[in-house]
Amino acid sequence: MFKLLTSKKAAKNLAIGLASATTASGLGLALALNVDLFASDHGCYPAKYPWFHEGLFNTLDHASIRRGYEVYKQVCAACHSMRYTYFRHLVGVSHTEEEAKAEAAESMVTDGPNEEGNMFERPGKLSDPLPSPYPNDEAAKAANGGALPPDLSLIAFARNNGTNYIFSLLTGYHDPPAGVEEKEGLHYNPYFNGGWIAMAKALYDEIIEYSDGTPATTSQLAKDVTEFLRWSSEKSHDEKKKLLLKTFLIFPPILALFYVYKRRVFTVMKSRKIVFNPTKSSGSEKH
């Protein structure tokens, strides 16, 4: 009987071990396949930069977001759209309400139909998205040699190692190494999948002039527009950090009160001693 129990226990342990090994192998394979699907992993891996907002309670740099919007508006918007970012999102983040309204009014938006059934153009409003450079994707492809410029609204989350990748890509253009044949219509960038990208280098020193007077070096331009794109990908970033801070401030006192209350209410029940003393029944006494 003892041998039978021992063999059953060994078989159970073996089954548990095999199941654990299979699960671990499956998770490892899934992770390896998932990482391999990231396009940016096939080029040079970008360096890790000290972004201020990556701190546990740190917010995004709102001055940098404003400058990044200027870079997008004057440089990136010539080819890239941001369909999921609206002018109202700028209010209280990088612009006042009046400034955001003025920015929106600079673009003409096709609206309608009117009472006569015709489409018409009007100045933009806070409820409008940032204007797209092309009416549709086919027009964008035709204007860019068949390549479709990606929408930048969520680009920081659409690429692995988002902010570091975007900054490295924007500043990583240089001549191809010796022995690498140039490709017509493409530009060499080691951070892009395959090393060749249709987008030409867009950022140069002093290509724009910042409204706040910040020197517009290439690295500053790349940093600011990356910060802007990071904000656009997660507009609730700062609110989440504020909620986390409130949670850390509120929950410890509440837990302490619950602990004291629990000790006060249940201390009698947990410390009492219950003793059972059986008594003889009247029937047993007669016998």
C-alpha atoms as a PDB file:
ATOM      1  CA  MET A   1       0.000   0.000   0.000  1.00  0.00           C
ATOM      2  CA  PHE A   2       2.876   2.355   0.876  1.00  0.00           C
ATOM      3  CA  LYS A   3       4.580   1.662  -2.474  1.00  0.00           C
ATOM      4  CA  LEU A   4       1.325   2.387  -4.307  1.00  0.00           C
ATOM      5  CA  LEU A   5       0.934   5.735  -2.564  1.00  0.00           C
ATOM      6  CA  THR A   6       4.580   6.588  -3.259  1.00  0.00           C
ATOM      7  CA  SER A   7       4.226   5.799  -6.966  1.00  0.00           C
ATOM      8  CA  LYS A   8       1.049   7.895  -7.199  1.00  0.00           C
ATOM      9  CA  LYS A   9       2.776  10.815  -5.501  1.00  0.00           C
ATOM     10  CA  ALA A  10       5.774  10.543  -7.842  1.00  0.00           C
ATOM     11  CA  ALA A  11       3.481  10.424 -10.872  1.00  0.00           C
ATOM     12  CA  LYS A  12       1.610  13.491  -9.633  1.00  0.00           C
ATOM     13  CA  ASN A  13       4.852  15.407  -9.094  1.00  0.00           C
ATOM     14  CA  LEU A  14       6.059  14.380 -12.528  1.00  0.00           C
ATOM     15  CA  ALA A  15       2.816  15.543 -14.139  1.00  0.00           C
ATOM     16  CA  ILE A  16       3.017  18.882 -12.333  1.00  0.00           C
ATOM     17  CA  GLY A  17       6.638  19.298 -13.415  1.00  0.00           C
ATOM     18  CA  LEU A  18       5.830  18.533 -17.050  1.00  0.00           C
ATOM     19  CA  ALA A  19       2.864  20.928 -17.019  1.00  0.00           C
ATOM     20  CA  SER A  20       5.004  23.699 -15.510  1.00  0.00           C
ATOM     21  CA  ALA A  21       7.788  23.128 -18.031  1.00  0.00           C
ATOM     22  CA  THR A  22       5.317  23.131 -20.926  1.00  0.00           C
ATOM     23  CA  THR A  23       3.673  26.332 -19.681  1.00  0.00           C
ATOM     24  CA  ALA A  24       7.019  28.075 -19.215  1.00  0.00           C
ATOM     25  CA  SER A  25       8.181  26.994 -22.676  1.00  0.00           C
ATOM     26  CA  GLY A  26       4.931  28.195 -24.242  1.00  0.00           C
ATOM     27  CA  LEU A  27       5.158  31.591 -22.551  1.00  0.00           C
ATOM     28  CA  GLY A  28       8.793  31.948 -23.583  1.00  0.00           C
ATOM     29  CA  LEU A  29       7.972  31.072 -27.188  1.00  0.00           C
ATOM     30  CA  ALA A  30       5.018  33.479 -27.242  1.00  0.00           C
ATOM     31  CA  LEU A  31       7.185  36.269 -25.845  1.00  0.00           C
ATOM     32  CA  ALA A  32       9.941  35.564 -28.362  1.00  0.00           C
ATOM     33  CA  LEU A  33       7.482  35.599 -31.270  1.00  0.00           C
ATOM     34  CA  ASN A  34       5.819  38.781 -29.995  1.00  0.00           C
ATOM     35  CA  VAL A  35       9.126  40.631 -29.654  1.00  0.00           C
ATOM     36  CA  ASP A  36      10.173  39.446 -33.102  1.00  0.00           C
ATOM     37  CA  LEU A  37       7.088  41.101 -34.602  1.00  0.00           C
ATOM     38  CA  PHE A  38       8.211  44.590 -33.556  1.00  0.00           C
ATOM     39  CA  ALA A  39       9.542  46.288 -36.665  1.00  0.00           C
ATOM     40  CA  SER A  40      12.010  48.478 -34.780  1.00  0.00           C
ATOM     41  CA  ASP A  41      13.789  45.417 -33.365  1.00  0.00           C
ATOM     42  CA  HIS A  42      15.211  44.601 -36.802  1.00  0.00           C
ATOM     43  CA  GLY A  43      17.306  47.772 -36.919  1.00  0.00           C
ATOM     44  CA  CYS A  44      19.717  49.312 -34.447  1.00  0.00           C
ATOM     45  CA  TYR A  45      18.247  49.270 -30.970  1.00  0.00           C
ATOM     46  CA  PRO A  46      17.780  52.871 -29.775  1.00  0.00           C
ATOM     47  CA  ALA A  47      19.533  54.122 -26.671  1.00  0.00           C
ATOM     48  CA  LYS A  48      17.533  54.755 -23.513  1.00  0.00           C
ATOM     49  CA  TYR A  49      17.210  58.492 -22.890  1.00  0.00           C
ATOM     50  CA  PRO A  50      16.356  60.100 -19.532  1.00  0.00           C
ATOM     51  CA  TRP A  51      12.804  61.232 -20.266  1.00  0.00           C
ATOM     52  CA  PHE A  52      11.481  63.223 -17.332  1.00  0.00           C
ATOM     53  CA  HIS A  53       7.943  61.829 -17.585  1.00  0.00           C
ATOM     54  CA  GLU A  54       9.127  58.267 -16.974  1.00  0.00           C
ATOM     55  CA  GLY A  55       9.446  58.986 -13.254  1.00  0.00           C
ATOM     56  CA  LEU A  56       6.756  57.464 -11.050  1.00  0.00           C
ATOM     57  CA  PHE A  57       5.126  60.814 -10.204  1.00  0.00           C
ATOM     58  CA  ASN A  58       6.585  62.984 -12.997  1.00  0.00           C
ATOM     59  CA  THR A  59       4.396  64.682 -15.586  1.00  0.00           C
ATOM     60  CA  LEU A  60       5.092  65.416 -19.207  1.00  0.00           C
ATOM     61  CA  ASP A  61       7.067  68.547 -20.048  1.00  0.00           C
ATOM     62  CA  HIS A  62       4.278  70.905 -21.126  1.00  0.00           C
ATOM     63  CA  ALA A  63       6.645  73.585 -22.447  1.00  0.00           C
ATOM     64  CA  SER A  64       8.220  70.908 -24.624  1.00  0.00           C
ATOM     65  CA  ILE A  65       4.756  69.759 -25.769  1.00  0.00           C
ATOM     66  CA  ARG A  66       4.001  73.308 -26.952  1.00  0.00           C
ATOM     67  CA  ARG A  67       7.281  73.513 -28.858  1.00  0.00           C
ATOM     68  CA  GLY A  68       6.662  70.016 -30.243  1.00  0.00           C
ATOM     69  CA  TYR A  69       3.313  71.158 -31.572  1.00  0.00           C
ATOM     70  CA  GLU A  70       5.111  73.973 -33.390  1.00  0.00           C
ATOM     71  CA  VAL A  71       7.514  71.441 -34.931  1.00  0.00           C
ATOM     72  CA  TYR A  72       4.648  69.205 -36.016  1.00  0.00           C
ATOM     73  CA  LYS A  73       2.673  72.115 -37.430  1.00  0.00           C
ATOM     74  CA  GLN A  74       5.556  73.610 -39.421  1.00  0.00           C
ATOM     75  CA  VAL A  75       7.411  70.448 -40.431  1.00  0.00           C
ATOM     76  CA  CYS A  76       5.639  67.131 -39.888  1.00  0.00           C
ATOM     77  CA  ALA A  77       2.129  68.240 -40.903  1.00  0.00           C
ATOM     78  CA  ALA A  78       3.273  68.563 -44.517  1.00  0.00           C
ATOM     79  CA  CYS A  79       3.046  64.758 -44.831  1.00  0.00           C
ATOM     80  CA  HIS A  80       1.624  63.257 -41.635  1.00  0.00           C
ATOM     81  CA  SER A  81      -1.892  63.449 -40.233  1.00  0.00           C
ATOM     82  CA  MET A  82      -3.090  63.311 -36.613  1.00  0.00           C
ATOM     83  CA  ARG A  83      -6.719  62.262 -36.995  1.00  0.00           C
ATOM     84  CA  TYR A  84      -7.244  61.413 -33.340  1.00  0.00           C
ATOM     85  CA  THR A  85      -5.872  64.619 -31.837  1.00  0.00           C
ATOM     86  CA  TYR A  86      -8.277  67.569 -31.698  1.00  0.00           C
ATOM     87  CA  PHE A  87      -7.640  71.240 -31.073  1.00  0.00           C
ATOM     88  CA  ARG A  88      -9.627  70.993 -27.824  1.00  0.00           C
ATOM     89  CA  HIS A  89      -6.985  68.597 -26.493  1.00  0.00           C
ATOM     90  CA  LEU A  90      -4.456  71.439 -26.534  1.00  0.00           C
ATOM     91  CA  VAL A  91      -6.471  73.514 -24.051  1.00  0.00           C
ATOM     92  CA  GLY A  92      -4.877  73.484 -20.618  1.00  0.00           C
ATOM     93  CA  VAL A  93      -1.955  71.385 -21.840  1.00  0.00           C
ATOM     94  CA  SER A  94       0.073  73.554 -24.188  1.00  0.00           C
ATOM     95  CA  HIS A  95      -2.303  76.411 -25.073  1.00  0.00           C
ATOM     96  CA  THR A  96      -4.983  78.527 -23.498  1.00  0.00           C
ATOM     97  CA  GLU A  97      -8.528  78.242 -24.841  1.00  0.00           C
ATOM     98  CA  GLU A  98      -8.128  81.481 -26.845  1.00  0.00           C
ATOM     99  CA  GLU A  99      -4.814  80.300 -28.321  1.00  0.00           C
ATOM    100  CA  ALA A 100      -6.282  76.926 -29.271  1.00  0.00           C
ATOM    101  CA  LYS A 101      -9.263  78.621 -30.929  1.00  0.00           C
ATOM    102  CA  ALA A 102      -6.881  80.840 -32.908  1.00  0.00           C
ATOM    103  CA  GLU A 103      -4.878  77.788 -33.998  1.00  0.00           C
ATOM    104  CA  ALA A 104      -8.046  76.022 -35.116  1.00  0.00           C
ATOM    105  CA  ALA A 105      -9.325  79.059 -37.019  1.00  0.00           C
ATOM    106  CA  GLU A 106      -6.165  79.095 -39.187  1.00  0.00           C
ATOM    107  CA  SER A 107      -7.341  75.957 -41.018  1.00  0.00           C
ATOM    108  CA  MET A 108     -10.350  75.704 -43.308  1.00  0.00           C
ATOM    109  CA  VAL A 109     -12.572  72.669 -42.743  1.00  0.00           C
ATOM    110  CA  THR A 110     -14.998  71.149 -45.221  1.00  0.00           C
ATOM    111  CA  ASP A 111     -18.401  70.892 -43.563  1.00  0.00           C
ATOM    112  CA  GLY A 112     -22.007  70.438 -44.519  1.00  0.00           C
ATOM    113  CA  PRO A 113     -24.281  69.923 -46.180  1.00  0.00           C
ATOM    114  CA  ASN A 114     -25.916  73.304 -45.772  1.00  0.00           C
ATOM    115  CA  GLU A 115     -29.612  74.077 -46.293  1.00  0.00           C
ATOM    116  CA  GLU A 116     -29.108  73.822 -50.053  1.00  0.00           C
ATOM    117  CA  GLY A 117     -27.440  70.419 -49.780  1.00  0.00           C
ATOM    118  CA  ASN A 118     -23.956  71.677 -50.647  1.00  0.00           C
ATOM    119  CA  MET A 119     -20.700  71.207 -48.790  1.00  0.00           C
ATOM    120  CA  PHE A 120     -18.931  74.367 -47.687  1.00  0.00           C
ATOM    121  CA  GLU A 121     -15.726  75.457 -46.004  1.00  0.00           C
ATOM    122  CA  ARG A 122     -15.534  77.149 -42.624  1.00  0.00           C
ATOM    123  CA  PRO A 123     -12.804  78.135 -40.169  1.00  0.00           C
ATOM    124  CA  GLY A 124     -11.779  75.355 -37.817  1.00  0.00           C
ATOM    125  CA  LYS A 125     -13.181  74.990 -34.301  1.00  0.00           C
ATOM    126  CA  LEU A 126     -11.967  73.357 -31.105  1.00  0.00           C
ATOM    127  CA  SER A 127     -14.046  70.285 -31.948  1.00  0.00           C
ATOM    128  CA  ASP A 128     -12.105  69.675 -35.178  1.00  0.00           C
ATOM    129  CA  PRO A 129      -9.083  67.357 -35.448  1.00  0.00           C
ATOM    130  CA  LEU A 130      -5.709  68.672 -36.539  1.00  0.00           C
ATOM    131  CA  PRO A 131      -5.907  69.124 -40.327  1.00  0.00           C
ATOM    132  CA  SER A 132      -4.657  66.317 -42.570  1.00  0.00           C
ATOM    133  CA  PRO A 133      -2.340  67.153 -45.466  1.00  0.00           C
ATOM    134  CA  TYR A 134      -4.176  64.807 -47.872  1.00  0.00           C
ATOM    135  CA  PRO A 135      -7.888  64.111 -48.435  1.00  0.00           C
ATOM    136  CA  ASN A 136      -7.392  60.318 -48.300  1.00  0.00           C
ATOM    137  CA  ASP A 137      -4.768  57.580 -48.132  1.00  0.00           C
ATOM    138  CA  GLU A 138      -4.590  57.097 -51.893  1.00  0.00           C
ATOM    139  CA  ALA A 139      -3.734  60.765 -52.400  1.00  0.00           C
ATOM    140  CA  ALA A 140      -1.065  60.453 -49.696  1.00  0.00           C
ATOM    141  CA  LYS A 141       0.494  57.447 -51.448  1.00  0.00           C
ATOM    142  CA  ALA A 142       0.442  59.185 -54.822  1.00  0.00           C
ATOM    143  CA  ALA A 143       2.241  62.204 -53.383  1.00  0.00           C
ATOM    144  CA  ASN A 144       4.913  60.118 -51.631  1.00  0.00           C
ATOM    145  CA  GLY A 145       5.986  57.627 -54.269  1.00  0.00           C
ATOM    146  CA  GLY A 146       3.638  54.890 -53.113  1.00  0.00           C
ATOM    147  CA  ALA A 147       4.576  55.102 -49.422  1.00  0.00           C
ATOM    148  CA  LEU A 148       1.817  55.982 -46.958  1.00  0.00           C
ATOM    149  CA  PRO A 149       2.998  58.361 -44.214  1.00  0.00           C
ATOM    150  CA  PRO A 150       1.643  56.929 -40.934  1.00  0.00           C
ATOM    151  CA  ASP A 151      -0.808  58.845 -38.805  1.00  0.00           C
ATOM    152  CA  LEU A 152       1.096  60.201 -35.800  1.00  0.00           C
ATOM    153  CA  SER A 153      -1.727  60.369 -33.248  1.00  0.00           C
ATOM    154  CA  LEU A 154      -0.693  57.117 -31.521  1.00  0.00           C
ATOM    155  CA  ILE A 155       2.749  56.576 -33.042  1.00  0.00           C
ATOM    156  CA  ALA A 156       4.552  56.561 -29.662  1.00  0.00           C
ATOM    157  CA  PHE A 157       2.570  53.444 -28.675  1.00  0.00           C
ATOM    158  CA  ALA A 158       2.581  51.922 -32.161  1.00  0.00           C
ATOM    159  CA  ARG A 159       6.369  51.452 -32.095  1.00  0.00           C
ATOM    160  CA  ASN A 160       8.393  49.382 -29.679  1.00  0.00           C
ATOM    161  CA  ASN A 161      10.381  51.539 -27.244  1.00  0.00           C
ATOM    162  CA  GLY A 162       8.271  54.437 -28.577  1.00  0.00           C
ATOM    163  CA  THR A 163       9.867  57.700 -27.412  1.00  0.00           C
ATOM    164  CA  ASN A 164      13.452  56.440 -27.659  1.00  0.00           C
ATOM    165  CA  TYR A 165      12.753  54.982 -31.111  1.00  0.00           C
ATOM    166  CA  ILE A 166      11.156  58.161 -32.466  1.00  0.00           C
ATOM    167  CA  PHE A 167      13.971  60.386 -31.171  1.00  0.00           C
ATOM    168  CA  SER A 168      16.650  58.024 -32.513  1.00  0.00           C
ATOM    169  CA  LEU A 169      14.925  57.755 -35.885  1.00  0.00           C
ATOM    170  CA  LEU A 170      14.647  61.536 -36.292  1.00  0.00           C
ATOM    171  CA  THR A 171      18.300  62.098 -35.403  1.00  0.00           C
ATOM    172  CA  GLY A 172      19.755  58.916 -36.933  1.00  0.00           C
ATOM    173  CA  TYR A 173      20.097  59.870 -40.605  1.00  0.00           C
ATOM    174  CA  HIS A 174      23.609  59.584 -42.045  1.00  0.00           C
ATOM    175  CA  ASP A 175      25.468  58.224 -45.048  1.00  0.00           C
ATOM    176  CA  PRO A 176      25.340  54.439 -45.512  1.00  0.00           C
ATOM    177  CA  PRO A 177      28.440  52.515 -44.443  1.00  0.00           C
ATOM    178  CA  ALA A 178      31.046  51.439 -46.966  1.00  0.00           C
ATOM    179  CA  GLY A 179      29.917  48.575 -49.144  1.00  0.00           C
ATOM    180  CA  VAL A 180      26.205  49.301 -48.771  1.00  0.00           C
ATOM    181  CA  GLU A 181      24.635  50.229 -52.086  1.00  0.00           C
ATOM    182  CA  GLU A 182      22.300  53.220 -52.009  1.00  0.00           C
ATOM    183  CA  LYS A 183      18.681  52.700 -52.988  1.00  0.00           C
ATOM    184  CA  GLU A 184      16.941  55.167 -55.235  1.00  0.00           C
ATOM    185  CA  GLY A 185      14.277  57.218 -53.511  1.00  0.00           C
ATOM    186  CA  LEU A 186      15.202  55.905 -50.049  1.00  0.00           C
ATOM    187  CA  HIS A 187      17.322  57.298 -47.239  1.00  0.00           C
ATOM    188  CA  TYR A 188      19.634  55.403 -44.915  1.00  0.00           C
ATOM    189  CA  ASN A 189      18.655  55.257 -41.257  1.00  0.00           C
ATOM    190  CA  PRO A 190      19.946  52.340 -39.162  1.00  0.00           C
ATOM    191  CA  TYR A 191      17.052  52.628 -36.684  1.00  0.00           C
ATOM    192  CA  PHE A 192      14.452  51.831 -39.323  1.00  0.00           C
ATOM    193  CA  ASN A 193      13.553  48.278 -40.302  1.00  0.00           C
ATOM    194  CA  GLY A 194      15.929  47.276 -43.100  1.00  0.00           C
ATOM    195  CA  GLY A 195      17.955  50.464 -42.799  1.00  0.00           C
ATOM    196  CA  TRP A 196      16.210  52.322 -45.635  1.00  0.00           C
ATOM    197  CA  ILE A 197      13.276  54.682 -45.179  1.00  0.00           C
ATOM    198  CA  ALA A 198      11.225  56.690 -47.677  1.00  0.00           C
ATOM    199  CA  MET A 199      11.041  59.730 -45.385  1.00  0.00           C
ATOM    200  CA  ALA A 200      13.922  62.129 -45.900  1.00  0.00           C
ATOM    201  CA  LYS A 201      15.621  63.833 -42.993  1.00  0.00           C
ATOM    202  CA  ALA A 202      13.172  66.499 -41.875  1.00  0.00           C
ATOM    203  CA  LEU A 203      14.878  68.228 -38.941  1.00  0.00           C
ATOM    204  CA  TYR A 204      17.827  70.578 -39.279  1.00  0.00           C
ATOM    205  CA  ASP A 205      19.284  73.259 -37.058  1.00  0.00           C
ATOM    206  CA  GLU A 206      17.154  76.425 -37.087  1.00  0.00           C
ATOM    207  CA  ILE A 207      14.656  74.976 -39.580  1.00  0.00           C
ATOM    208  CA  ILE A 208      11.973  76.770 -37.551  1.00  0.00           C
ATOM    209  CA  GLU A 209      11.991  79.510 -34.935  1.00  0.00           C
ATOM    210  CA  TYR A 210      10.459  78.706 -31.559  1.00  0.00           C
ATOM    211  CA  SER A 211       7.972  81.225 -30.187  1.00  0.00           C
ATOM    212  CA  ASP A 212       9.640  81.098 -26.752  1.00  0.00           C
ATOM    213  CA  GLY A 213      13.131  81.729 -28.137  1.00  0.00           C
ATOM    214  CA  THR A 214      14.549  78.263 -27.422  1.00  0.00           C
ATOM    215  CA  PRO A 215      17.488  77.464 -29.767  1.00  0.00           C
ATOM    216  CA  ALA A 216      16.086  75.176 -32.465  1.00  0.00           C
ATOM    217  CA  THR A 217      18.889  72.635 -32.734  1.00  0.00           C
ATOM    218  CA  THR A 218      18.224  69.294 -34.396  1.00  0.00           C
ATOM    219  CA  SER A 219      18.263  67.407 -31.100  1.00  0.00           C
ATOM    220  CA  GLN A 220      15.980  69.997 -29.457  1.00  0.00           C
ATOM    221  CA  LEU A 221      13.511  69.767 -32.333  1.00  0.00           C
ATOM    222  CA  ALA A 222      13.520  65.968 -32.154  1.00  0.00           C
ATOM    223  CA  LYS A 223      13.120  65.976 -28.378  1.00  0.00           C
ATOM    224  CA  ASP A 224      10.184  68.400 -28.449  1.00  0.00           C
ATOM    225  CA  VAL A 225       8.244  66.711 -31.242  1.00  0.00           C
ATOM    226  CA  THR A 226       8.823  63.330 -29.562  1.00  0.00           C
ATOM    227  CA  GLU A 227       7.411  64.733 -26.313  1.00  0.00           C
ATOM    228  CA  PHE A 228       4.400  66.062 -28.244  1.00  0.00           C
ATOM    229  CA  LEU A 229       3.797  62.695 -29.906  1.00  0.00           C
ATOM    230  CA  ARG A 230       4.129  60.929 -26.554  1.00  0.00           C
ATOM    231  CA  TRP A 231       1.456  63.204 -25.107  1.00  0.00           C
ATOM    232  CA  SER A 232      -0.778  62.665 -28.129  1.00  0.00           C
ATOM    233  CA  SER A 233      -0.570  58.894 -27.671  1.00  0.00           C
ATOM    234  CA  GLU A 234      -1.707  59.099 -24.037  1.00  0.00           C
ATOM    235  CA  LYS A 235      -3.450  62.374 -23.330  1.00  0.00           C
ATOM    236  CA  SER A 236      -4.518  61.151 -19.877  1.00  0.00           C
ATOM    237  CA  HIS A 237      -0.911  60.534 -18.787  1.00  0.00           C
ATOM    238  CA  ASP A 238      -0.754  63.360 -16.243  1.00  0.00           C
ATOM    239  CA  GLU A 239      -4.226  62.608 -14.880  1.00  0.00           C
ATOM    240  CA  LYS A 240      -3.216  59.001 -14.256  1.00  0.00           C
ATOM    241  CA  LYS A 241      -0.108  60.150 -12.381  1.00  0.00           C
ATOM    242  CA  LYS A 242      -2.238  62.492 -10.254  1.00  0.00           C
ATOM    243  CA  LEU A 243      -4.651  59.641  -9.479  1.00  0.00           C
ATOM    244  CA  LEU A 244      -1.721  57.416  -8.515  1.00  0.00           C
ATOM    245  CA  LEU A 245      -0.387  60.099  -6.186  1.00  0.00           C
ATOM    246  CA  LYS A 246      -3.807  60.515  -4.553  1.00  0.00           C
ATOM    247  CA  THR A 247      -4.026  56.755  -4.110  1.00  0.00           C
ATOM    248  CA  PHE A 248      -0.644  56.634  -2.376  1.00  0.00           C
ATOM    249  CA  LEU A 249      -1.677  59.484  -0.074  1.00  0.00           C
ATOM    250  CA  ILE A 250      -5.146  58.206   0.819  1.00  0.00           C
ATOM    251  CA  PHE A 251      -4.875  54.430   1.019  1.00  0.00           C
ATOM    252  CA  PRO A 252      -2.198  54.031   3.760  1.00  0.00           C
ATOM    253  CA  PRO A 253      -4.228  55.986   6.383  1.00  0.00           C
ATOM    254  CA  ILE A 254      -7.391  54.100   5.391  1.00  0.00           C
ATOM    255  CA  LEU A 255      -5.618  50.753   5.720  1.00  0.00           C
ATOM    256  CA  ALA A 256      -4.222  51.818   9.098  1.00  0.00           C
ATOM    257  CA  LEU A 257      -7.720  52.725  10.334  1.00  0.00           C
ATOM    258  CA  PHE A 258      -9.108  49.413   9.125  1.00  0.00           C
ATOM    259  CA  TYR A 259      -6.308  47.572  10.921  1.00  0.00           C
ATOM    260  CA  VAL A 260      -6.983  49.398  14.208  1.00  0.00           C
ATOM    261  CA  TYR A 261     -10.738  48.840  13.836  1.00  0.00           C
ATOM    262  CA  LYS A 262     -10.223  45.159  13.118  1.00  0.00           C
ATOM    263  CA  ARG A 263      -7.998  44.748  16.158  1.00  0.00           C
ATOM    264  CA  ARG A 264     -10.541  46.554  18.353  1.00  0.00           C
ATOM    265  CA  VAL A 265     -13.604  44.641  17.144  1.00  0.00           C
ATOM    266  CA  PHE A 266     -12.173  41.155  16.841  1.00  0.00           C
ATOM    267  CA  THR A 267      -9.696  41.186  19.706  1.00  0.00           C
ATOM    268  CA  VAL A 268     -12.301  39.721  22.111  1.00  0.00           C
ATOM    269  CA  MET A 269     -13.247  36.971  19.693  1.00  0.00           C
ATOM    270  CA  LYS A 270      -9.646  36.066  18.905  1.00  0.00           C
ATOM    271  CA  SER A 271      -8.390  36.116  22.502  1.00  0.00           C
ATOM    272  CA  ARG A 272     -11.258  34.385  24.291  1.00  0.00           C
ATOM    273  CA  LYS A 273     -11.011  30.804  25.453  1.00  0.00           C
ATOM    274  CA  ILE A 274     -13.926  28.432  25.026  1.00  0.00           C
ATOM    275  CA  VAL A 275     -14.075  25.420  27.345  1.00  0.00           C
ATOM    276  CA  PHE A 276     -16.615  22.632  27.069  1.00  0.00           C
ATOM    277  CA  ASN A 277     -17.495  20.844  30.306  1.00  0.00           C
ATOM    278  CA  PRO A 278     -19.925  18.003  29.658  1.00  0.00           C
ATOM    279  CA  THR A 279     -22.446  17.306  32.474  1.00  0.00           C
ATOM    280  CA  LYS A 280     -23.988  14.000  33.357  1.00  0.00           C
ATOM    281  CA  SER A 281     -27.553  13.525  32.217  1.00  0.00           C
ATOM    282  CA  SER A 282     -30.286  12.708  34.666  1.00  0.00           C
ATOM    283  CA  GLY A 283     -30.708   9.271  33.106  1.00  0.00           C
ATOM    284  CA  SER A 284     -27.103   8.320  33.722  1.00  0.00           C
ATOM    285  CA  GLU A 285     -27.326   9.400  37.364  1.00  0.00           C
ATOM    286  CA  LYS A 286     -30.165   6.928  38.034  1.00  0.00           C
ATOM    287  CA  HIS A 287     -28.037   4.079  36.716  1.00  0.00           C
END
